[in-house]
Amino acid sequence: MVQQYPPTLDSSFAALADPTRRGVLERLGSGDHSISDLAATFGMTLTGMKKHVSVLERAGFVATRKVGRVRTCGLGARRLEQEAAWIDQLRQTWDARFAALDSVIADLQKEKTNEHG
């Protein structure tokens, strides 16, 4: 059975897949920063940082505002509830499968002990 996931998962995970973008989000956690400041922090060109910020903005993780010639970035309203729920659902599935495997292994070990014991 194929499940349908919110389309935001794709943009979220694509945005978070890049280490620079994850670093930008961490940096913005301490407060707002201009794109120029972020570019300098990460040793990037202004154009390169604008592209990263644009991806984060489309995913809803970053909000920008322009005051004069300075574009300032801050954390966006988008939170990670859907992503966390999806990961938790997957974790629960894996936990259940590993628990079942542990049970099979325990049963096999009991059989082996009974054969030799």
N, C-alpha and C. Protein backbone atom coordinates (compact mmCIF):
# COMPACT_ATOMS: atom_id res chain seq x y z
N MET A 1 0.84 -1.18 0.00
CA MET A 1 0.00 0.00 0.00
C MET A 1 0.89 1.24 0.00
N VAL A 2 0.68 2.09 -0.97
CA VAL A 2 1.46 3.31 -1.08
C VAL A 2 0.74 4.41 -0.31
N GLN A 3 1.47 5.05 0.61
CA GLN A 3 0.87 6.13 1.39
C GLN A 3 1.17 7.46 0.72
N GLN A 4 0.25 8.37 0.88
CA GLN A 4 0.44 9.72 0.39
C GLN A 4 0.94 10.58 1.55
N TYR A 5 2.00 11.28 1.32
CA TYR A 5 2.58 12.15 2.34
C TYR A 5 2.37 13.60 1.93
N PRO A 6 2.33 14.48 2.90
CA PRO A 6 2.19 15.90 2.55
C PRO A 6 3.34 16.33 1.63
N PRO A 7 3.05 17.11 0.61
CA PRO A 7 4.11 17.54 -0.32
C PRO A 7 5.20 18.35 0.37
N THR A 8 4.89 18.89 1.54
CA THR A 8 5.89 19.67 2.25
C THR A 8 7.06 18.81 2.72
N LEU A 9 6.83 17.50 2.89
CA LEU A 9 7.94 16.63 3.31
C LEU A 9 9.08 16.67 2.31
N ASP A 10 8.75 16.64 1.03
CA ASP A 10 9.79 16.66 0.00
C ASP A 10 10.61 17.93 0.07
N SER A 11 9.94 19.07 0.15
CA SER A 11 10.68 20.34 0.19
C SER A 11 11.45 20.47 1.50
N SER A 12 10.88 19.97 2.59
CA SER A 12 11.57 20.04 3.88
C SER A 12 12.86 19.24 3.86
N PHE A 13 12.75 17.97 3.47
CA PHE A 13 13.93 17.13 3.48
C PHE A 13 14.96 17.56 2.43
N ALA A 14 14.49 18.09 1.31
CA ALA A 14 15.43 18.62 0.31
C ALA A 14 16.18 19.82 0.88
N ALA A 15 15.46 20.68 1.59
CA ALA A 15 16.09 21.87 2.18
C ALA A 15 17.08 21.46 3.27
N LEU A 16 16.73 20.47 4.06
CA LEU A 16 17.58 20.05 5.18
C LEU A 16 18.71 19.12 4.76
N ALA A 17 18.69 18.67 3.52
CA ALA A 17 19.72 17.73 3.05
C ALA A 17 21.10 18.38 2.92
N ASP A 18 21.13 19.68 2.79
CA ASP A 18 22.40 20.37 2.58
C ASP A 18 22.98 20.87 3.91
N PRO A 19 24.25 20.56 4.19
CA PRO A 19 24.85 20.97 5.46
C PRO A 19 24.91 22.49 5.64
N THR A 20 25.08 23.24 4.56
CA THR A 20 25.11 24.70 4.68
C THR A 20 23.75 25.21 5.13
N ARG A 21 22.68 24.67 4.54
CA ARG A 21 21.34 25.13 4.92
C ARG A 21 21.03 24.75 6.37
N ARG A 22 21.46 23.58 6.80
CA ARG A 22 21.27 23.22 8.21
C ARG A 22 22.05 24.18 9.10
N GLY A 23 23.24 24.55 8.67
CA GLY A 23 24.04 25.52 9.42
C GLY A 23 23.39 26.88 9.48
N VAL A 24 22.78 27.30 8.40
CA VAL A 24 22.07 28.58 8.37
C VAL A 24 20.93 28.56 9.39
N LEU A 25 20.18 27.47 9.43
CA LEU A 25 19.08 27.37 10.39
C LEU A 25 19.60 27.42 11.82
N GLU A 26 20.71 26.75 12.08
CA GLU A 26 21.30 26.79 13.42
C GLU A 26 21.72 28.22 13.76
N ARG A 27 22.32 28.89 12.81
CA ARG A 27 22.78 30.27 13.03
C ARG A 27 21.59 31.20 13.30
N LEU A 28 20.50 31.00 12.54
CA LEU A 28 19.33 31.85 12.72
C LEU A 28 18.61 31.55 14.04
N GLY A 29 18.91 30.41 14.63
CA GLY A 29 18.34 30.10 15.93
C GLY A 29 18.78 31.06 17.01
N SER A 30 19.93 31.69 16.80
CA SER A 30 20.43 32.66 17.78
C SER A 30 19.95 34.08 17.49
N GLY A 31 19.27 34.28 16.37
CA GLY A 31 18.77 35.60 16.01
C GLY A 31 18.83 35.85 14.52
N ASP A 32 18.25 36.94 14.11
CA ASP A 32 18.21 37.30 12.69
C ASP A 32 19.60 37.73 12.21
N HIS A 33 19.85 37.47 10.91
CA HIS A 33 21.12 37.84 10.29
C HIS A 33 20.87 38.27 8.86
N SER A 34 21.69 39.17 8.39
CA SER A 34 21.59 39.57 6.98
C SER A 34 22.16 38.46 6.11
N ILE A 35 21.77 38.46 4.86
CA ILE A 35 22.32 37.46 3.93
C ILE A 35 23.82 37.68 3.79
N SER A 36 24.26 38.92 3.82
CA SER A 36 25.70 39.21 3.73
C SER A 36 26.46 38.59 4.91
N ASP A 37 25.89 38.73 6.10
CA ASP A 37 26.51 38.15 7.29
C ASP A 37 26.57 36.63 7.18
N LEU A 38 25.47 36.02 6.73
CA LEU A 38 25.46 34.56 6.56
C LEU A 38 26.48 34.12 5.53
N ALA A 39 26.56 34.86 4.42
CA ALA A 39 27.53 34.52 3.37
C ALA A 39 28.95 34.58 3.92
N ALA A 40 29.26 35.60 4.69
CA ALA A 40 30.59 35.74 5.27
C ALA A 40 30.86 34.61 6.27
N THR A 41 29.87 34.28 7.08
CA THR A 41 30.02 33.22 8.08
C THR A 41 30.36 31.90 7.43
N PHE A 42 29.76 31.61 6.30
CA PHE A 42 29.95 30.33 5.63
C PHE A 42 30.97 30.40 4.49
N GLY A 43 31.62 31.55 4.35
CA GLY A 43 32.65 31.70 3.31
C GLY A 43 32.10 31.50 1.91
N MET A 44 30.94 32.07 1.68
CA MET A 44 30.28 31.91 0.38
C MET A 44 30.09 33.26 -0.29
N THR A 45 29.77 33.19 -1.56
CA THR A 45 29.40 34.42 -2.27
C THR A 45 27.98 34.80 -1.86
N LEU A 46 27.66 36.05 -2.05
CA LEU A 46 26.31 36.53 -1.76
C LEU A 46 25.28 35.78 -2.60
N THR A 47 25.61 35.55 -3.87
CA THR A 47 24.70 34.83 -4.77
C THR A 47 24.47 33.40 -4.29
N GLY A 48 25.53 32.74 -3.86
CA GLY A 48 25.40 31.37 -3.35
C GLY A 48 24.52 31.31 -2.11
N MET A 49 24.72 32.25 -1.21
CA MET A 49 23.91 32.26 0.02
C MET A 49 22.46 32.60 -0.30
N LYS A 50 22.23 33.50 -1.26
CA LYS A 50 20.86 33.83 -1.64
C LYS A 50 20.13 32.58 -2.13
N LYS A 51 20.83 31.72 -2.86
CA LYS A 51 20.22 30.48 -3.35
C LYS A 51 19.84 29.57 -2.19
N HIS A 52 20.74 29.43 -1.23
CA HIS A 52 20.44 28.60 -0.06
C HIS A 52 19.26 29.16 0.73
N VAL A 53 19.26 30.46 0.94
CA VAL A 53 18.18 31.10 1.67
C VAL A 53 16.86 30.94 0.92
N SER A 54 16.91 31.02 -0.39
CA SER A 54 15.70 30.86 -1.20
C SER A 54 15.10 29.46 -1.01
N VAL A 55 15.94 28.43 -0.99
CA VAL A 55 15.45 27.06 -0.77
C VAL A 55 14.80 26.95 0.61
N LEU A 56 15.46 27.51 1.61
CA LEU A 56 14.93 27.48 2.98
C LEU A 56 13.63 28.28 3.09
N GLU A 57 13.56 29.36 2.35
CA GLU A 57 12.36 30.21 2.37
C GLU A 57 11.19 29.49 1.71
N ARG A 58 11.43 28.82 0.58
CA ARG A 58 10.36 28.07 -0.10
C ARG A 58 9.84 26.95 0.80
N ALA A 59 10.71 26.36 1.60
CA ALA A 59 10.30 25.29 2.52
C ALA A 59 9.60 25.85 3.76
N GLY A 60 9.67 27.16 3.95
CA GLY A 60 9.01 27.80 5.08
C GLY A 60 9.85 27.87 6.35
N PHE A 61 11.13 27.49 6.23
CA PHE A 61 12.00 27.50 7.40
C PHE A 61 12.60 28.87 7.68
N VAL A 62 12.65 29.72 6.66
CA VAL A 62 13.25 31.05 6.79
C VAL A 62 12.28 32.08 6.23
N ALA A 63 12.23 33.21 6.89
CA ALA A 63 11.47 34.35 6.40
C ALA A 63 12.47 35.49 6.21
N THR A 64 12.34 36.21 5.11
CA THR A 64 13.24 37.33 4.86
C THR A 64 12.43 38.62 4.78
N ARG A 65 13.11 39.70 5.08
CA ARG A 65 12.51 41.02 4.93
C ARG A 65 13.62 41.97 4.45
N LYS A 66 13.21 42.89 3.64
CA LYS A 66 14.18 43.83 3.08
C LYS A 66 13.94 45.21 3.68
N VAL A 67 14.99 45.74 4.26
CA VAL A 67 14.95 47.10 4.79
C VAL A 67 16.06 47.86 4.08
N GLY A 68 15.66 48.77 3.22
CA GLY A 68 16.65 49.48 2.41
C GLY A 68 17.32 48.50 1.46
N ARG A 69 18.63 48.41 1.56
CA ARG A 69 19.38 47.50 0.69
C ARG A 69 19.75 46.20 1.39
N VAL A 70 19.34 46.05 2.64
CA VAL A 70 19.73 44.88 3.42
C VAL A 70 18.57 43.91 3.52
N ARG A 71 18.82 42.67 3.11
CA ARG A 71 17.83 41.60 3.27
C ARG A 71 18.21 40.81 4.51
N THR A 72 17.29 40.80 5.49
CA THR A 72 17.53 40.13 6.76
C THR A 72 16.73 38.84 6.81
N CYS A 73 17.33 37.80 7.37
CA CYS A 73 16.71 36.49 7.47
C CYS A 73 16.43 36.15 8.93
N GLY A 74 15.33 35.50 9.14
CA GLY A 74 15.00 34.98 10.46
C GLY A 74 14.32 33.63 10.28
N LEU A 75 14.12 32.94 11.37
CA LEU A 75 13.43 31.66 11.29
C LEU A 75 12.00 31.88 10.84
N GLY A 76 11.52 31.02 9.95
CA GLY A 76 10.17 31.12 9.45
C GLY A 76 9.17 30.48 10.39
N ALA A 77 7.91 30.56 10.03
CA ALA A 77 6.84 30.02 10.86
C ALA A 77 6.75 28.50 10.75
N ARG A 78 7.33 27.95 9.71
CA ARG A 78 7.24 26.50 9.48
C ARG A 78 8.02 25.76 10.54
N ARG A 79 7.37 24.82 11.16
CA ARG A 79 8.03 24.01 12.17
C ARG A 79 8.14 22.59 11.63
N LEU A 80 8.68 21.71 12.38
CA LEU A 80 8.97 20.37 11.89
C LEU A 80 7.99 19.31 12.41
N GLU A 81 6.76 19.67 12.71
CA GLU A 81 5.80 18.70 13.25
C GLU A 81 5.54 17.56 12.28
N GLN A 82 5.26 17.87 11.02
CA GLN A 82 4.96 16.82 10.04
C GLN A 82 6.17 15.92 9.83
N GLU A 83 7.33 16.52 9.75
CA GLU A 83 8.55 15.73 9.53
C GLU A 83 8.83 14.84 10.74
N ALA A 84 8.67 15.41 11.93
CA ALA A 84 8.89 14.63 13.15
C ALA A 84 7.88 13.49 13.26
N ALA A 85 6.63 13.75 12.89
CA ALA A 85 5.60 12.70 12.94
C ALA A 85 5.93 11.59 11.96
N TRP A 86 6.38 11.94 10.77
CA TRP A 86 6.74 10.95 9.76
C TRP A 86 7.92 10.10 10.24
N ILE A 87 8.93 10.76 10.79
CA ILE A 87 10.10 10.04 11.31
C ILE A 87 9.69 9.14 12.47
N ASP A 88 8.83 9.63 13.35
CA ASP A 88 8.39 8.83 14.50
C ASP A 88 7.61 7.60 14.05
N GLN A 89 6.76 7.77 13.04
CA GLN A 89 5.99 6.64 12.51
C GLN A 89 6.95 5.59 11.94
N LEU A 90 7.95 6.04 11.22
CA LEU A 90 8.94 5.12 10.67
C LEU A 90 9.74 4.44 11.77
N ARG A 91 10.10 5.20 12.79
CA ARG A 91 10.85 4.64 13.92
C ARG A 91 10.03 3.57 14.62
N GLN A 92 8.73 3.81 14.80
CA GLN A 92 7.87 2.82 15.44
C GLN A 92 7.79 1.53 14.62
N THR A 93 7.73 1.68 13.31
CA THR A 93 7.71 0.50 12.43
C THR A 93 9.01 -0.29 12.59
N TRP A 94 10.14 0.40 12.56
CA TRP A 94 11.43 -0.28 12.72
C TRP A 94 11.54 -0.93 14.09
N ASP A 95 11.10 -0.22 15.14
CA ASP A 95 11.15 -0.78 16.49
C ASP A 95 10.34 -2.07 16.57
N ALA A 96 9.15 -2.08 15.96
CA ALA A 96 8.31 -3.28 15.97
C ALA A 96 8.98 -4.43 15.22
N ARG A 97 9.59 -4.13 14.10
CA ARG A 97 10.27 -5.18 13.33
C ARG A 97 11.49 -5.72 14.06
N PHE A 98 12.25 -4.84 14.70
CA PHE A 98 13.41 -5.31 15.46
C PHE A 98 12.97 -6.11 16.68
N ALA A 99 11.87 -5.72 17.30
CA ALA A 99 11.35 -6.48 18.44
C ALA A 99 10.94 -7.88 17.99
N ALA A 100 10.29 -7.97 16.83
CA ALA A 100 9.91 -9.28 16.29
C ALA A 100 11.15 -10.12 15.98
N LEU A 101 12.17 -9.50 15.44
CA LEU A 101 13.42 -10.20 15.14
C LEU A 101 14.08 -10.68 16.43
N ASP A 102 14.09 -9.82 17.46
CA ASP A 102 14.64 -10.22 18.75
C ASP A 102 13.92 -11.45 19.30
N SER A 103 12.61 -11.49 19.12
CA SER A 103 11.82 -12.62 19.59
C SER A 103 12.19 -13.90 18.85
N VAL A 104 12.36 -13.81 17.53
CA VAL A 104 12.77 -14.97 16.73
C VAL A 104 14.15 -15.45 17.17
N ILE A 105 15.05 -14.53 17.37
CA ILE A 105 16.41 -14.90 17.81
C ILE A 105 16.36 -15.57 19.18
N ALA A 106 15.57 -15.03 20.09
CA ALA A 106 15.45 -15.63 21.42
C ALA A 106 14.89 -17.04 21.32
N ASP A 107 13.88 -17.24 20.47
CA ASP A 107 13.30 -18.57 20.28
C ASP A 107 14.33 -19.54 19.71
N LEU A 108 15.11 -19.08 18.75
CA LEU A 108 16.15 -19.94 18.16
C LEU A 108 17.21 -20.31 19.19
N GLN A 109 17.57 -19.35 20.03
CA GLN A 109 18.57 -19.62 21.07
C GLN A 109 18.02 -20.63 22.09
N LYS A 110 16.74 -20.55 22.42
CA LYS A 110 16.12 -21.50 23.34
C LYS A 110 16.15 -22.90 22.73
N GLU A 111 15.81 -22.99 21.44
CA GLU A 111 15.82 -24.28 20.75
C GLU A 111 17.22 -24.87 20.76
N LYS A 112 18.19 -24.05 20.49
CA LYS A 112 19.58 -24.51 20.45
C LYS A 112 20.02 -24.99 21.83
N THR A 113 19.63 -24.26 22.87
CA THR A 113 19.96 -24.64 24.24
C THR A 113 19.29 -25.96 24.62
N ASN A 114 18.02 -26.13 24.21
CA ASN A 114 17.28 -27.35 24.52
C ASN A 114 17.87 -28.56 23.80
N GLU A 115 18.40 -28.36 22.57
CA GLU A 115 18.99 -29.46 21.80
C GLU A 115 20.28 -29.93 22.44
N HIS A 116 21.05 -28.99 22.99
CA HIS A 116 22.35 -29.34 23.56
C HIS A 116 22.31 -29.51 25.08
N GLY A 117 21.19 -29.23 25.64
CA GLY A 117 21.19 -29.12 27.04
C GLY A 117 20.80 -30.16 27.94
